[in-house]
Amino acid sequence: ALCGIKVPAAEVAPAAPSLPWPALTATDRDVLTRTLYGEAANETEAGQIAVIHVMRNRLLRGPASRFGGTPAEVCQKPRQFSCWNANDPQRARLLSLDPASATYQRLAAVVDKAWVMPDTVAKADHYFASYIATPSWAAPPAHETVRHGVHQFYAGVR
């Protein structure tokens, strides 16, 4: 109190939480956004967040030689996220996505939200669309953790 007058404490913004994974660089955010567009543009937000969590779980699981050492490397690792495969029709679509577009901005906001929130897929680091044949990697000891839309998420993949 100053001369009997209560002076409000200065408002201090809370410190950013310390995350057990790296913050996103501009390149990582862009590649994650484009990957989300290619892999799950038509999923619900919860399904899109789940896809981002698979990417983050791969980064955390490592090793970098298997999944990649940055979020961008995880997404663009050959034959991992099909939208980046050279022969996939989604590749041209995701590469042409304008960062100023409403679609890009909406998906980038999902990336930002998902990156800092707790895991929603019980450590799953793989998923596949239910309209394709079940991949061999989905056999035990792998196990399904959750489903969102057409995607089935798996943990314990060797």
C-alpha atoms as a PDB file:
ATOM      1  CA  ALA A   1       0.000   0.000   0.000  1.00  0.00           C
ATOM      2  CA  LEU A   2       1.212   3.482  -0.845  1.00  0.00           C
ATOM      3  CA  CYS A   3      -0.077   6.075   1.628  1.00  0.00           C
ATOM      4  CA  GLY A   4      -2.922   3.743   2.480  1.00  0.00           C
ATOM      5  CA  ILE A   5      -3.845   3.225  -1.193  1.00  0.00           C
ATOM      6  CA  LYS A   6      -3.627  -0.268  -2.569  1.00  0.00           C
ATOM      7  CA  VAL A   7      -1.593  -0.319  -5.737  1.00  0.00           C
ATOM      8  CA  PRO A   8      -2.358  -3.302  -7.958  1.00  0.00           C
ATOM      9  CA  ALA A   9       0.568  -5.530  -8.698  1.00  0.00           C
ATOM     10  CA  ALA A  10       1.892  -5.152 -12.192  1.00  0.00           C
ATOM     11  CA  GLU A  11       0.295  -7.627 -14.524  1.00  0.00           C
ATOM     12  CA  VAL A  12       2.868 -10.098 -15.668  1.00  0.00           C
ATOM     13  CA  ALA A  13       2.207 -12.486 -18.482  1.00  0.00           C
ATOM     14  CA  PRO A  14       2.680 -16.065 -17.369  1.00  0.00           C
ATOM     15  CA  ALA A  15       5.876 -17.672 -18.534  1.00  0.00           C
ATOM     16  CA  ALA A  16       5.546 -19.978 -21.498  1.00  0.00           C
ATOM     17  CA  PRO A  17       5.369 -23.561 -20.305  1.00  0.00           C
ATOM     18  CA  SER A  18       8.553 -25.529 -20.586  1.00  0.00           C
ATOM     19  CA  LEU A  19       7.837 -28.250 -23.106  1.00  0.00           C
ATOM     20  CA  PRO A  20       9.684 -31.564 -23.306  1.00  0.00           C
ATOM     21  CA  TRP A  21       9.957 -31.125 -27.070  1.00  0.00           C
ATOM     22  CA  PRO A  22      11.428 -28.377 -29.242  1.00  0.00           C
ATOM     23  CA  ALA A  23       9.558 -25.232 -30.208  1.00  0.00           C
ATOM     24  CA  LEU A  24       8.627 -25.010 -33.868  1.00  0.00           C
ATOM     25  CA  THR A  25      10.785 -23.113 -36.312  1.00  0.00           C
ATOM     26  CA  ALA A  26       9.057 -21.313 -39.183  1.00  0.00           C
ATOM     27  CA  THR A  27      10.101 -24.145 -41.523  1.00  0.00           C
ATOM     28  CA  ASP A  28       8.814 -26.834 -39.157  1.00  0.00           C
ATOM     29  CA  ARG A  29       5.479 -25.039 -38.791  1.00  0.00           C
ATOM     30  CA  ASP A  30       5.131 -24.662 -42.550  1.00  0.00           C
ATOM     31  CA  VAL A  31       5.946 -28.317 -43.262  1.00  0.00           C
ATOM     32  CA  LEU A  32       3.620 -29.534 -40.488  1.00  0.00           C
ATOM     33  CA  THR A  33       0.830 -27.325 -41.856  1.00  0.00           C
ATOM     34  CA  ARG A  34       1.313 -28.620 -45.389  1.00  0.00           C
ATOM     35  CA  THR A  35       1.515 -32.215 -44.163  1.00  0.00           C
ATOM     36  CA  LEU A  36      -1.716 -31.744 -42.247  1.00  0.00           C
ATOM     37  CA  TYR A  37      -3.301 -30.407 -45.435  1.00  0.00           C
ATOM     38  CA  GLY A  38      -2.133 -33.436 -47.410  1.00  0.00           C
ATOM     39  CA  GLU A  39      -2.934 -36.038 -44.769  1.00  0.00           C
ATOM     40  CA  ALA A  40      -5.973 -34.816 -42.849  1.00  0.00           C
ATOM     41  CA  ALA A  41      -7.505 -31.649 -44.321  1.00  0.00           C
ATOM     42  CA  ASN A  42     -10.998 -33.162 -44.146  1.00  0.00           C
ATOM     43  CA  GLU A  43     -10.732 -34.560 -40.621  1.00  0.00           C
ATOM     44  CA  THR A  44     -12.221 -32.895 -37.566  1.00  0.00           C
ATOM     45  CA  GLU A  45      -9.944 -30.658 -35.540  1.00  0.00           C
ATOM     46  CA  ALA A  46      -9.529 -33.504 -33.028  1.00  0.00           C
ATOM     47  CA  GLY A  47      -8.446 -35.796 -35.861  1.00  0.00           C
ATOM     48  CA  GLN A  48      -6.027 -33.171 -37.161  1.00  0.00           C
ATOM     49  CA  ILE A  49      -4.541 -32.705 -33.703  1.00  0.00           C
ATOM     50  CA  ALA A  50      -4.112 -36.484 -33.476  1.00  0.00           C
ATOM     51  CA  VAL A  51      -2.136 -36.496 -36.743  1.00  0.00           C
ATOM     52  CA  ILE A  52       0.157 -33.722 -35.429  1.00  0.00           C
ATOM     53  CA  HIS A  53       0.653 -35.715 -32.231  1.00  0.00           C
ATOM     54  CA  VAL A  54       1.818 -38.724 -34.256  1.00  0.00           C
ATOM     55  CA  MET A  55       4.420 -36.500 -35.901  1.00  0.00           C
ATOM     56  CA  ARG A  56       5.526 -35.123 -32.536  1.00  0.00           C
ATOM     57  CA  ASN A  57       5.613 -38.612 -31.004  1.00  0.00           C
ATOM     58  CA  ARG A  58       7.919 -39.759 -33.790  1.00  0.00           C
ATOM     59  CA  LEU A  59      10.223 -36.855 -33.061  1.00  0.00           C
ATOM     60  CA  LEU A  60      10.248 -37.725 -29.360  1.00  0.00           C
ATOM     61  CA  ARG A  61      10.619 -41.473 -29.904  1.00  0.00           C
ATOM     62  CA  GLY A  62      13.578 -41.188 -32.204  1.00  0.00           C
ATOM     63  CA  PRO A  63      16.129 -42.035 -33.182  1.00  0.00           C
ATOM     64  CA  ALA A  64      16.613 -39.271 -35.698  1.00  0.00           C
ATOM     65  CA  SER A  65      17.962 -41.844 -38.135  1.00  0.00           C
ATOM     66  CA  ARG A  66      14.590 -43.622 -38.095  1.00  0.00           C
ATOM     67  CA  PHE A  67      12.069 -40.793 -37.981  1.00  0.00           C
ATOM     68  CA  GLY A  68      14.004 -37.540 -38.468  1.00  0.00           C
ATOM     69  CA  GLY A  69      15.583 -35.052 -36.088  1.00  0.00           C
ATOM     70  CA  THR A  70      13.230 -32.109 -36.660  1.00  0.00           C
ATOM     71  CA  PRO A  71       9.474 -31.890 -37.232  1.00  0.00           C
ATOM     72  CA  ALA A  72      10.093 -31.076 -40.913  1.00  0.00           C
ATOM     73  CA  GLU A  73      12.404 -34.090 -41.291  1.00  0.00           C
ATOM     74  CA  VAL A  74       9.816 -36.330 -39.626  1.00  0.00           C
ATOM     75  CA  CYS A  75       7.163 -35.226 -42.120  1.00  0.00           C
ATOM     76  CA  GLN A  76       9.380 -35.444 -45.181  1.00  0.00           C
ATOM     77  CA  LYS A  77      11.131 -38.715 -44.363  1.00  0.00           C
ATOM     78  CA  PRO A  78      10.791 -40.900 -47.468  1.00  0.00           C
ATOM     79  CA  ARG A  79       7.740 -43.193 -47.506  1.00  0.00           C
ATOM     80  CA  GLN A  80       6.437 -42.032 -44.134  1.00  0.00           C
ATOM     81  CA  PHE A  81       3.699 -39.487 -44.846  1.00  0.00           C
ATOM     82  CA  SER A  82       2.402 -40.391 -48.276  1.00  0.00           C
ATOM     83  CA  CYS A  83       1.471 -36.829 -49.226  1.00  0.00           C
ATOM     84  CA  TRP A  84       5.209 -36.079 -49.586  1.00  0.00           C
ATOM     85  CA  ASN A  85       5.912 -39.063 -51.870  1.00  0.00           C
ATOM     86  CA  ALA A  86       7.012 -37.894 -55.310  1.00  0.00           C
ATOM     87  CA  ASN A  87       4.236 -39.857 -57.041  1.00  0.00           C
ATOM     88  CA  ASP A  88       1.422 -38.840 -54.676  1.00  0.00           C
ATOM     89  CA  PRO A  89      -1.160 -36.478 -56.214  1.00  0.00           C
ATOM     90  CA  GLN A  90      -1.459 -34.676 -52.862  1.00  0.00           C
ATOM     91  CA  ARG A  91       2.154 -33.472 -53.105  1.00  0.00           C
ATOM     92  CA  ALA A  92       1.500 -30.863 -55.811  1.00  0.00           C
ATOM     93  CA  ARG A  93      -1.630 -29.767 -53.952  1.00  0.00           C
ATOM     94  CA  LEU A  94       0.162 -29.249 -50.633  1.00  0.00           C
ATOM     95  CA  LEU A  95       3.132 -27.509 -52.256  1.00  0.00           C
ATOM     96  CA  SER A  96       0.798 -25.038 -53.963  1.00  0.00           C
ATOM     97  CA  LEU A  97      -1.080 -24.162 -50.755  1.00  0.00           C
ATOM     98  CA  ASP A  98      -0.844 -20.378 -50.321  1.00  0.00           C
ATOM     99  CA  PRO A  99       0.256 -19.372 -46.789  1.00  0.00           C
ATOM    100  CA  ALA A 100      -2.079 -16.361 -47.034  1.00  0.00           C
ATOM    101  CA  SER A 101      -5.115 -18.590 -47.716  1.00  0.00           C
ATOM    102  CA  ALA A 102      -7.802 -19.172 -45.114  1.00  0.00           C
ATOM    103  CA  THR A 103      -7.179 -22.924 -45.331  1.00  0.00           C
ATOM    104  CA  TYR A 104      -3.472 -22.575 -44.581  1.00  0.00           C
ATOM    105  CA  GLN A 105      -4.140 -20.157 -41.716  1.00  0.00           C
ATOM    106  CA  ARG A 106      -6.773 -22.464 -40.178  1.00  0.00           C
ATOM    107  CA  LEU A 107      -4.485 -25.507 -40.373  1.00  0.00           C
ATOM    108  CA  ALA A 108      -1.489 -23.532 -39.058  1.00  0.00           C
ATOM    109  CA  ALA A 109      -3.603 -22.555 -36.038  1.00  0.00           C
ATOM    110  CA  VAL A 110      -4.333 -26.262 -35.454  1.00  0.00           C
ATOM    111  CA  VAL A 111      -0.593 -26.996 -35.658  1.00  0.00           C
ATOM    112  CA  ASP A 112       0.144 -24.259 -33.104  1.00  0.00           C
ATOM    113  CA  LYS A 113      -2.557 -25.539 -30.748  1.00  0.00           C
ATOM    114  CA  ALA A 114      -1.625 -29.204 -31.094  1.00  0.00           C
ATOM    115  CA  TRP A 115       2.112 -28.649 -30.672  1.00  0.00           C
ATOM    116  CA  VAL A 116       1.797 -27.311 -27.127  1.00  0.00           C
ATOM    117  CA  MET A 117      -0.987 -29.541 -25.812  1.00  0.00           C
ATOM    118  CA  PRO A 118      -0.651 -32.965 -24.180  1.00  0.00           C
ATOM    119  CA  ASP A 119      -0.660 -36.092 -26.318  1.00  0.00           C
ATOM    120  CA  THR A 120      -4.136 -37.206 -27.427  1.00  0.00           C
ATOM    121  CA  VAL A 121      -3.167 -40.499 -29.078  1.00  0.00           C
ATOM    122  CA  ALA A 122      -1.608 -42.448 -26.180  1.00  0.00           C
ATOM    123  CA  LYS A 123       1.912 -42.242 -27.655  1.00  0.00           C
ATOM    124  CA  ALA A 124       0.837 -43.501 -31.086  1.00  0.00           C
ATOM    125  CA  ASP A 125       3.493 -42.808 -33.676  1.00  0.00           C
ATOM    126  CA  HIS A 126       1.762 -44.446 -36.637  1.00  0.00           C
ATOM    127  CA  TYR A 127      -1.641 -44.215 -38.262  1.00  0.00           C
ATOM    128  CA  PHE A 128      -3.317 -45.320 -41.446  1.00  0.00           C
ATOM    129  CA  ALA A 129      -6.535 -44.621 -43.275  1.00  0.00           C
ATOM    130  CA  SER A 130      -9.173 -47.295 -42.793  1.00  0.00           C
ATOM    131  CA  TYR A 131      -9.909 -47.436 -46.525  1.00  0.00           C
ATOM    132  CA  ILE A 132      -6.540 -49.082 -47.243  1.00  0.00           C
ATOM    133  CA  ALA A 133      -5.430 -52.605 -46.342  1.00  0.00           C
ATOM    134  CA  THR A 134      -4.085 -52.926 -42.811  1.00  0.00           C
ATOM    135  CA  PRO A 135      -0.304 -52.424 -43.017  1.00  0.00           C
ATOM    136  CA  SER A 136       2.018 -55.154 -41.763  1.00  0.00           C
ATOM    137  CA  TRP A 137       3.414 -52.812 -39.097  1.00  0.00           C
ATOM    138  CA  ALA A 138      -0.033 -52.809 -37.382  1.00  0.00           C
ATOM    139  CA  ALA A 139       0.403 -56.439 -36.263  1.00  0.00           C
ATOM    140  CA  PRO A 140       1.113 -57.133 -32.572  1.00  0.00           C
ATOM    141  CA  PRO A 141       2.856 -55.925 -30.548  1.00  0.00           C
ATOM    142  CA  ALA A 142       1.475 -52.782 -32.183  1.00  0.00           C
ATOM    143  CA  HIS A 143      -1.945 -51.839 -30.873  1.00  0.00           C
ATOM    144  CA  GLU A 144      -4.632 -49.370 -31.842  1.00  0.00           C
ATOM    145  CA  THR A 145      -4.951 -46.470 -29.402  1.00  0.00           C
ATOM    146  CA  VAL A 146      -7.695 -44.321 -30.921  1.00  0.00           C
ATOM    147  CA  ARG A 147      -9.669 -43.613 -34.104  1.00  0.00           C
ATOM    148  CA  HIS A 148     -10.568 -40.264 -35.612  1.00  0.00           C
ATOM    149  CA  GLY A 149     -12.586 -40.172 -38.793  1.00  0.00           C
ATOM    150  CA  VAL A 150     -10.898 -42.486 -41.293  1.00  0.00           C
ATOM    151  CA  HIS A 151      -7.630 -42.698 -39.357  1.00  0.00           C
ATOM    152  CA  GLN A 152      -6.619 -45.484 -36.975  1.00  0.00           C
ATOM    153  CA  PHE A 153      -3.722 -44.644 -34.614  1.00  0.00           C
ATOM    154  CA  TYR A 154      -1.184 -47.184 -33.351  1.00  0.00           C
ATOM    155  CA  ALA A 155       1.476 -47.373 -30.657  1.00  0.00           C
ATOM    156  CA  GLY A 156       4.034 -50.116 -30.065  1.00  0.00           C
ATOM    157  CA  VAL A 157       5.066 -50.331 -33.701  1.00  0.00           C
ATOM    158  CA  ARG A 158       8.491 -51.900 -34.120  1.00  0.00           C
END
